[in-house]
Amino acid sequence: MYFTDRGIEELSSRRGEEEFTFEWLAEQLRAFVDLNPDFEVPVERLATWLARLDEEDDED
């Protein structure tokens, strides 16, 4: 188990039943980077990966 899995598990257990928009998620990511600029690159990579998920499906 990766260290990050703990955070993902906490997110799932605390907020797993909620629904949200990607606009809301984008705002939260922006706020996080504003507070934690050292994480700009990983957050950008995550956002890009999420944005392109359907492109991977198209390649199969």
Protein backbone atom coordinates (compact mmCIF):
# COMPACT_ATOMS: atom_id res chain seq x y z
CA MET A 1 0.00 0.00 0.00
CA TYR A 2 1.31 3.40 -0.96
CA PHE A 3 1.36 6.18 1.64
CA THR A 4 -1.15 8.09 -0.50
CA ASP A 5 -3.61 5.20 -0.23
CA ARG A 6 -4.33 6.26 3.36
CA GLY A 7 -5.49 9.67 2.20
CA ILE A 8 -7.53 8.15 -0.60
CA GLU A 9 -9.16 5.72 1.82
CA GLU A 10 -9.97 8.58 4.20
CA LEU A 11 -11.46 10.59 1.35
CA SER A 12 -13.58 7.64 0.30
CA SER A 13 -14.81 6.86 3.79
CA ARG A 14 -15.58 10.48 4.71
CA ARG A 15 -16.96 11.79 1.42
CA GLY A 16 -17.65 8.70 -0.68
CA GLU A 17 -21.42 9.17 -0.70
CA GLU A 18 -21.28 12.80 -1.86
CA GLU A 19 -21.74 13.99 -5.43
CA PHE A 20 -19.82 16.92 -6.88
CA THR A 21 -19.02 18.57 -10.17
CA PHE A 22 -15.64 18.70 -11.80
CA GLU A 23 -15.87 22.47 -11.52
CA TRP A 24 -16.05 22.08 -7.73
CA LEU A 25 -13.06 19.71 -7.82
CA ALA A 26 -11.10 22.16 -9.99
CA GLU A 27 -11.78 24.95 -7.48
CA GLN A 28 -10.60 22.75 -4.61
CA LEU A 29 -7.42 21.85 -6.51
CA ARG A 30 -6.74 25.55 -7.21
CA ALA A 31 -7.27 26.40 -3.54
CA PHE A 32 -4.95 23.56 -2.49
CA VAL A 33 -2.18 24.74 -4.83
CA ASP A 34 -2.62 28.32 -3.62
CA LEU A 35 -2.02 27.08 -0.07
CA ASN A 36 0.65 24.53 -1.06
CA PRO A 37 2.56 25.81 -4.11
CA ASP A 38 5.13 23.01 -3.81
CA PHE A 39 2.42 20.62 -4.99
CA GLU A 40 1.66 22.51 -8.20
CA VAL A 41 3.28 19.94 -10.51
CA PRO A 42 1.65 16.82 -9.00
CA VAL A 43 -1.77 18.51 -8.93
CA GLU A 44 -1.34 19.60 -12.55
CA ARG A 45 -0.40 16.04 -13.51
CA LEU A 46 -3.43 14.63 -11.69
CA ALA A 47 -5.76 17.16 -13.33
CA THR A 48 -4.34 16.41 -16.78
CA TRP A 49 -4.65 12.67 -16.19
CA LEU A 50 -8.28 13.04 -15.10
CA ALA A 51 -9.05 15.28 -18.08
CA ARG A 52 -7.65 12.74 -20.55
CA LEU A 53 -9.11 9.51 -19.15
CA ASP A 54 -11.56 9.15 -22.01
CA GLU A 55 -8.75 9.51 -24.55
CA GLU A 56 -7.16 6.32 -23.19
CA ASP A 57 -10.44 4.48 -23.75
CA ASP A 58 -10.55 5.69 -27.35
CA GLU A 59 -7.11 4.15 -28.07
CA ASP A 60 -8.23 0.58 -27.28
